[in-house]
Amino acid sequence: MDYFNPFFLDDAHWRVQGSSTSRHSELNDVALADLSCGTSVDSPSKDNATMVSISTVFHAQWIFAGSTPDTILISSDSVLFYVHSHHLLQSSGNAFGSLLSKVHSSIAGSSSSNYITVRENADLLNVVVHAFYGMDSQKFNPPPEVMLESIVCLKKYGARLEQTIAPSTPLFDHLVMQAPRRPLDFYVTAAAHNLHSLAAQVSAYLLSFPLTSITDEQAEKMGAIYLKKLYALHHSRIETLRKLLLSPPEEHPANVDCGFVDQKRVTRAWALAAAQMVWEKLPDLSPSFIQATLGSLTTHVTCNTCKEILNAKIRQIIVEWSLETRNIE
């Protein structure tokens, strides 16, 4: 984890720090090895020292709202995150999973930090703490599975998801950016937590996804409402595409160069190309594919008027199809 700094502390430091109030009384006697990330350094200059890792963002010197940190979160892989208990309490609806309820009363008037161990590893905790402070964690490039788990973890620690993952927040933008890599998982997770704005954004990445591949477990997790919304989106786009394509170009008055029979050939060719696209039932059919497929018909048309009508019809379809909604309602 290249975004954590190793830091050496000697036994004297831990004897002082170990006397502070902690979430559990047994943390007062915690072994040095329990807080280490790495191994002890056996060298003359580092005798009786232990290497720990500290977040480069949430360290002991960082200031938030004019205050220094008063609490240390220790991840499952022994990385330290210095945080402000008053801010977490204000941002959480359950005292950060009840972890802060027992220690907050001891913080006032104390010069020592409180240690709280959590079950999450540093990668996940890093995203969660950034979210609680409304900060962007994209630069750390957490993988999609960590981003997905962060939603569950934020709920666990009492974050108000409708605010923490609201549109325009750093976490919302980060989730949307990661969603194309695992769109169904992101949609299911967003739906399960009733994050409609996020689910709506992610649904656009599922236009090419075969809905018959959704498992019973995924359907149950997202719920009937969001499953129906996804099916409705696909059906609506397919129906719109069918109406656009199955309406043939208008005919022009017959003349010497292009009579009724000639124009019927153009209409049949259009119907064949349109039927093929409609038959495939692709709600994510690209405008460029429609342009290429229908535009090829003009190569076999000699009448300039027919060509103009064909091109005008294709442009109309492209515009209307591009404006068709790509997201659930």
Protein backbone atom coordinates (compact mmCIF):
# COMPACT_ATOMS: atom_id res chain seq x y z
CA MET A 1 0.00 0.00 0.00
CA ASP A 2 2.01 2.91 -1.26
CA TYR A 3 -0.23 5.52 0.32
CA PHE A 4 0.74 4.65 3.90
CA ASN A 5 3.94 5.76 5.54
CA PRO A 6 5.90 3.41 7.81
CA PHE A 7 6.67 5.06 11.11
CA PHE A 8 8.89 3.82 13.91
CA LEU A 9 7.76 4.13 17.50
CA ASP A 10 9.74 3.03 20.52
CA ASP A 11 8.39 1.29 23.61
CA ALA A 12 8.25 4.53 25.59
CA HIS A 13 5.81 6.04 23.11
CA TRP A 14 3.47 3.09 23.34
CA ARG A 15 3.63 3.08 27.14
CA VAL A 16 2.34 6.64 27.10
CA GLN A 17 -0.20 6.09 24.40
CA GLY A 18 -1.33 2.82 25.89
CA SER A 19 -2.63 4.62 28.91
CA SER A 20 -5.33 6.44 26.95
CA THR A 21 -8.95 5.39 27.09
CA SER A 22 -9.87 2.95 24.34
CA ARG A 23 -12.99 1.30 22.96
CA HIS A 24 -12.26 -1.83 24.97
CA SER A 25 -10.44 -1.82 28.24
CA GLU A 26 -8.16 -4.60 27.04
CA LEU A 27 -6.67 -2.22 24.45
CA ASN A 28 -4.87 -0.49 27.32
CA ASP A 29 -2.69 -3.58 27.56
CA VAL A 30 -2.49 -4.28 23.85
CA ALA A 31 0.69 -5.96 22.72
CA LEU A 32 3.04 -3.98 20.57
CA ALA A 33 2.84 -6.58 17.83
CA ASP A 34 -0.91 -6.08 17.59
CA LEU A 35 -0.39 -2.55 16.30
CA SER A 36 2.47 -3.26 13.95
CA CYS A 37 2.27 -3.45 10.19
CA GLY A 38 5.39 -5.22 9.04
CA THR A 39 8.05 -6.58 11.33
CA SER A 40 10.15 -5.24 14.13
CA VAL A 41 13.42 -3.73 12.98
CA ASP A 42 16.45 -5.37 14.51
CA SER A 43 19.14 -2.71 14.19
CA PRO A 44 21.26 -0.69 16.60
CA SER A 45 19.40 2.52 15.77
CA LYS A 46 15.97 0.98 16.06
CA ASP A 47 16.28 -1.11 19.21
CA ASN A 48 12.95 -1.79 20.86
CA ALA A 49 11.15 -0.04 17.98
CA THR A 50 8.17 -1.22 16.01
CA MET A 51 7.23 -0.18 12.50
CA VAL A 52 3.62 0.89 11.98
CA SER A 53 1.92 2.33 8.92
CA ILE A 54 0.03 5.60 9.03
CA SER A 55 -2.25 7.06 6.41
CA THR A 56 -0.55 9.87 4.50
CA VAL A 57 -3.85 11.78 4.45
CA PHE A 58 -5.25 11.04 7.89
CA HIS A 59 -2.16 11.49 10.02
CA ALA A 60 -1.58 13.06 13.42
CA GLN A 61 -0.81 16.55 12.08
CA TRP A 62 -3.70 17.08 9.70
CA ILE A 63 -6.20 19.76 10.65
CA PHE A 64 -9.94 19.65 10.02
CA ALA A 65 -12.25 22.52 10.95
CA GLY A 66 -9.46 23.97 13.04
CA SER A 67 -9.02 20.82 15.13
CA THR A 68 -6.38 18.13 15.37
CA PRO A 69 -7.37 14.44 15.47
CA ASP A 70 -8.33 12.91 18.80
CA THR A 71 -9.03 9.32 17.75
CA ILE A 72 -7.06 6.67 15.89
CA LEU A 73 -8.81 4.04 13.79
CA ILE A 74 -6.70 0.91 13.37
CA SER A 75 -7.52 -1.22 10.32
CA SER A 76 -7.44 -5.01 10.33
CA ASP A 77 -4.02 -4.89 8.66
CA SER A 78 -2.71 -2.46 11.29
CA VAL A 79 -2.75 0.85 9.47
CA LEU A 80 -3.50 3.96 11.56
CA PHE A 81 -6.03 6.61 10.54
CA TYR A 82 -6.18 9.75 12.69
CA VAL A 83 -9.72 11.15 12.78
CA HIS A 84 -11.88 13.66 14.64
CA SER A 85 -14.46 11.98 16.85
CA HIS A 86 -16.77 15.00 16.91
CA HIS A 87 -16.99 15.02 13.12
CA LEU A 88 -17.64 11.29 12.87
CA LEU A 89 -20.33 11.56 15.53
CA GLN A 90 -22.03 14.39 13.65
CA SER A 91 -21.82 12.51 10.35
CA SER A 92 -22.95 9.15 11.70
CA GLY A 93 -26.38 8.11 12.80
CA ASN A 94 -25.13 5.34 15.08
CA ALA A 95 -21.93 6.76 16.64
CA PHE A 96 -19.80 5.11 13.97
CA GLY A 97 -21.26 1.68 14.55
CA SER A 98 -21.38 2.38 18.32
CA LEU A 99 -17.57 2.40 18.39
CA LEU A 100 -17.45 6.06 19.41
CA SER A 101 -20.25 6.01 21.97
CA LYS A 102 -18.03 4.55 24.71
CA VAL A 103 -14.95 6.64 24.12
CA HIS A 104 -16.27 10.10 23.28
CA SER A 105 -16.96 11.04 26.89
CA SER A 106 -13.32 10.34 27.76
CA ILE A 107 -11.87 12.53 25.02
CA ALA A 108 -12.68 15.89 26.59
CA GLY A 109 -9.75 17.15 28.57
CA SER A 110 -7.49 14.30 27.48
CA SER A 111 -4.22 14.90 25.68
CA SER A 112 -4.00 11.31 24.49
CA SER A 113 -5.65 9.73 21.49
CA ASN A 114 -8.21 6.94 21.68
CA TYR A 115 -7.51 3.75 19.77
CA ILE A 116 -10.37 1.96 17.99
CA THR A 117 -9.78 -1.23 16.07
CA VAL A 118 -12.06 -1.99 13.13
CA ARG A 119 -12.56 -5.10 11.02
CA GLU A 120 -12.01 -3.40 7.67
CA ASN A 121 -8.64 -3.47 5.93
CA ALA A 122 -6.79 -0.27 5.09
CA ASP A 123 -7.92 -0.06 1.46
CA LEU A 124 -11.58 -0.19 2.45
CA LEU A 125 -11.23 1.98 5.54
CA ASN A 126 -9.40 4.59 3.46
CA VAL A 127 -12.41 4.96 1.12
CA VAL A 128 -14.84 5.02 4.05
CA VAL A 129 -12.96 7.71 5.99
CA HIS A 130 -12.58 9.83 2.86
CA ALA A 131 -16.35 9.56 2.34
CA PHE A 132 -17.13 10.63 5.90
CA TYR A 133 -15.04 13.75 5.33
CA GLY A 134 -16.49 14.36 1.86
CA MET A 135 -13.06 13.88 0.31
CA ASP A 136 -12.06 12.26 -2.97
CA SER A 137 -10.21 8.92 -2.81
CA GLN A 138 -9.87 8.38 -6.56
CA LYS A 139 -6.13 9.02 -6.54
CA PHE A 140 -5.64 5.80 -4.57
CA ASN A 141 -7.36 3.84 -7.34
CA PRO A 142 -9.25 1.33 -5.16
CA PRO A 143 -10.61 -1.65 -7.14
CA PRO A 144 -14.34 -2.05 -7.88
CA GLU A 145 -14.85 -4.63 -5.13
CA VAL A 146 -13.59 -2.15 -2.54
CA MET A 147 -15.89 0.56 -3.89
CA LEU A 148 -18.86 -1.79 -3.72
CA GLU A 149 -18.01 -2.85 -0.18
CA SER A 150 -17.59 0.76 0.87
CA ILE A 151 -21.33 1.35 0.41
CA VAL A 152 -22.15 -1.51 2.78
CA CYS A 153 -19.48 -0.34 5.20
CA LEU A 154 -20.72 3.24 5.22
CA LYS A 155 -24.19 2.04 6.11
CA LYS A 156 -22.70 -0.10 8.88
CA TYR A 157 -21.01 2.96 10.39
CA GLY A 158 -24.14 5.08 10.22
CA ALA A 159 -23.37 7.31 7.26
CA ARG A 160 -26.40 9.01 5.74
CA LEU A 161 -26.09 7.42 2.33
CA GLU A 162 -28.50 9.79 0.62
CA GLN A 163 -26.08 12.60 1.54
CA THR A 164 -22.73 10.81 1.43
CA ILE A 165 -23.44 9.32 -2.02
CA ALA A 166 -25.53 12.15 -3.42
CA PRO A 167 -24.92 13.35 -7.01
CA SER A 168 -21.91 15.66 -7.31
CA THR A 169 -20.24 14.22 -4.19
CA PRO A 170 -16.74 12.78 -4.69
CA LEU A 171 -17.86 9.26 -3.77
CA PHE A 172 -20.82 9.37 -6.19
CA ASP A 173 -18.56 10.42 -9.05
CA HIS A 174 -16.01 7.76 -8.10
CA LEU A 175 -18.64 5.00 -8.04
CA VAL A 176 -20.03 6.05 -11.43
CA MET A 177 -16.51 6.04 -12.85
CA GLN A 178 -15.91 2.48 -11.62
CA ALA A 179 -19.35 1.16 -12.58
CA PRO A 180 -18.56 0.20 -16.21
CA ARG A 181 -16.16 -2.45 -14.91
CA ARG A 182 -18.93 -4.29 -13.00
CA PRO A 183 -22.20 -2.58 -13.94
CA LEU A 184 -24.65 -5.19 -12.68
CA ASP A 185 -22.95 -5.43 -9.26
CA PHE A 186 -23.00 -1.65 -8.91
CA TYR A 187 -26.65 -1.49 -9.98
CA VAL A 188 -27.67 -4.25 -7.58
CA THR A 189 -25.82 -2.63 -4.67
CA ALA A 190 -27.23 0.82 -5.42
CA ALA A 191 -30.75 -0.59 -5.69
CA ALA A 192 -30.38 -2.60 -2.49
CA HIS A 193 -29.55 0.63 -0.62
CA ASN A 194 -32.22 2.68 -2.42
CA LEU A 195 -29.62 4.95 -4.00
CA HIS A 196 -31.81 5.88 -6.95
CA SER A 197 -29.54 8.50 -8.52
CA LEU A 198 -26.62 6.07 -8.53
CA ALA A 199 -28.74 3.20 -9.86
CA ALA A 200 -30.07 5.46 -12.62
CA GLN A 201 -26.57 6.46 -13.71
CA VAL A 202 -25.33 2.87 -13.67
CA SER A 203 -28.35 1.54 -15.57
CA ALA A 204 -26.99 3.11 -18.77
CA TYR A 205 -24.10 0.65 -18.61
CA LEU A 206 -26.53 -2.28 -18.60
CA LEU A 207 -28.17 -1.63 -21.97
CA SER A 208 -26.03 -4.34 -23.55
CA PHE A 209 -26.48 -6.75 -20.64
CA PRO A 210 -28.75 -9.77 -21.26
CA LEU A 211 -31.34 -9.46 -18.50
CA THR A 212 -32.02 -13.20 -18.62
CA SER A 213 -28.57 -13.66 -17.07
CA ILE A 214 -29.64 -12.02 -13.81
CA THR A 215 -29.59 -14.64 -11.07
CA ASP A 216 -32.34 -15.15 -8.49
CA GLU A 217 -29.99 -13.91 -5.81
CA GLN A 218 -29.23 -10.70 -7.71
CA ALA A 219 -32.92 -10.14 -8.46
CA GLU A 220 -33.83 -10.61 -4.81
CA LYS A 221 -31.07 -8.27 -3.66
CA MET A 222 -32.00 -5.42 -6.01
CA GLY A 223 -35.69 -5.90 -5.31
CA ALA A 224 -38.74 -6.09 -7.55
CA ILE A 225 -38.97 -2.34 -8.11
CA TYR A 226 -35.49 -1.91 -9.55
CA LEU A 227 -35.68 -5.16 -11.48
CA LYS A 228 -38.86 -3.90 -13.11
CA LYS A 229 -37.25 -0.53 -13.84
CA LEU A 230 -34.40 -2.24 -15.65
CA TYR A 231 -36.74 -4.40 -17.74
CA ALA A 232 -38.89 -1.35 -18.47
CA LEU A 233 -35.84 0.58 -19.71
CA HIS A 234 -34.85 -2.20 -22.11
CA HIS A 235 -38.42 -2.69 -23.34
CA SER A 236 -38.97 1.04 -23.85
CA ARG A 237 -35.83 1.46 -25.93
CA ILE A 238 -36.52 -1.61 -28.04
CA GLU A 239 -40.08 -0.43 -28.69
CA THR A 240 -38.87 3.06 -29.62
CA LEU A 241 -36.29 1.59 -31.99
CA ARG A 242 -38.94 -0.62 -33.60
CA LYS A 243 -41.24 2.33 -34.24
CA LEU A 244 -38.43 4.44 -35.67
CA LEU A 245 -37.10 1.77 -38.03
CA LEU A 246 -40.34 0.20 -39.22
CA SER A 247 -41.62 3.52 -40.50
CA PRO A 248 -40.31 3.61 -44.11
CA PRO A 249 -39.16 6.73 -45.94
CA GLU A 250 -41.84 8.71 -47.74
CA GLU A 251 -42.29 8.26 -51.46
CA HIS A 252 -42.08 11.12 -53.94
CA PRO A 253 -44.26 11.67 -57.02
CA ALA A 254 -43.27 9.32 -59.81
CA ASN A 255 -41.28 10.72 -62.70
CA VAL A 256 -39.53 9.45 -65.81
CA ASP A 257 -36.33 8.50 -63.95
CA CYS A 258 -37.96 7.00 -60.84
CA GLY A 259 -41.39 5.42 -61.00
CA PHE A 260 -43.60 3.54 -58.54
CA VAL A 261 -41.76 0.22 -59.00
CA ASP A 262 -38.35 1.81 -58.41
CA GLN A 263 -39.47 3.40 -55.16
CA LYS A 264 -40.97 0.11 -53.95
CA ARG A 265 -37.54 -1.48 -54.33
CA VAL A 266 -36.12 1.15 -51.99
CA THR A 267 -38.96 0.56 -49.52
CA ARG A 268 -38.38 -3.23 -49.53
CA ALA A 269 -34.64 -2.79 -49.01
CA TRP A 270 -35.34 -0.46 -46.08
CA ALA A 271 -37.83 -2.91 -44.56
CA LEU A 272 -35.32 -5.76 -44.79
CA ALA A 273 -32.51 -3.79 -43.14
CA ALA A 274 -34.83 -2.42 -40.46
CA ALA A 275 -36.33 -5.83 -39.68
CA GLN A 276 -32.88 -7.28 -39.18
CA MET A 277 -31.98 -4.61 -36.61
CA VAL A 278 -35.33 -4.87 -34.84
CA TRP A 279 -35.08 -8.66 -34.71
CA GLU A 280 -31.82 -8.44 -32.78
CA LYS A 281 -33.60 -6.40 -30.06
CA LEU A 282 -30.57 -4.47 -28.93
CA PRO A 283 -31.45 -1.60 -26.59
CA ASP A 284 -27.87 -0.35 -26.87
CA LEU A 285 -27.80 -0.23 -30.67
CA SER A 286 -25.41 2.58 -31.54
CA PRO A 287 -26.35 5.51 -33.79
CA SER A 288 -23.23 4.82 -35.85
CA PHE A 289 -24.40 1.26 -36.55
CA ILE A 290 -27.81 2.51 -37.64
CA GLN A 291 -26.15 5.12 -39.86
CA ALA A 292 -23.86 2.54 -41.44
CA THR A 293 -26.60 -0.05 -42.00
CA LEU A 294 -29.25 2.25 -43.44
CA GLY A 295 -26.77 4.53 -45.15
CA SER A 296 -25.51 1.62 -47.24
CA LEU A 297 -28.89 1.51 -48.98
CA THR A 298 -28.13 4.74 -50.80
CA THR A 299 -25.32 3.09 -52.76
CA HIS A 300 -27.90 1.13 -54.75
CA VAL A 301 -30.20 4.09 -55.38
CA THR A 302 -29.75 6.11 -58.56
CA CYS A 303 -32.56 8.63 -58.00
CA ASN A 304 -31.22 11.78 -56.31
CA THR A 305 -34.63 12.58 -54.82
CA CYS A 306 -34.83 9.11 -53.23
CA LYS A 307 -31.32 9.56 -51.84
CA GLU A 308 -32.26 12.89 -50.28
CA ILE A 309 -35.38 11.36 -48.71
CA LEU A 310 -33.39 8.37 -47.42
CA ASN A 311 -30.67 10.53 -45.88
CA ALA A 312 -33.24 12.84 -44.27
CA LYS A 313 -35.04 9.81 -42.76
CA ILE A 314 -31.78 8.39 -41.43
CA ARG A 315 -30.85 11.72 -39.83
CA GLN A 316 -34.27 11.92 -38.19
CA ILE A 317 -33.90 8.42 -36.74
CA ILE A 318 -30.38 9.12 -35.47
CA VAL A 319 -31.49 12.29 -33.71
CA GLU A 320 -34.56 10.71 -32.09
CA TRP A 321 -32.66 7.59 -31.07
CA SER A 322 -29.85 9.66 -29.55
CA LEU A 323 -32.39 11.58 -27.47
CA GLU A 324 -34.06 8.42 -26.17
CA THR A 325 -33.43 7.95 -22.45
CA ARG A 326 -30.63 5.59 -21.48
CA ASN A 327 -31.40 5.50 -17.77
CA ILE A 328 -34.13 4.12 -15.56
CA GLU A 329 -36.76 6.54 -14.37
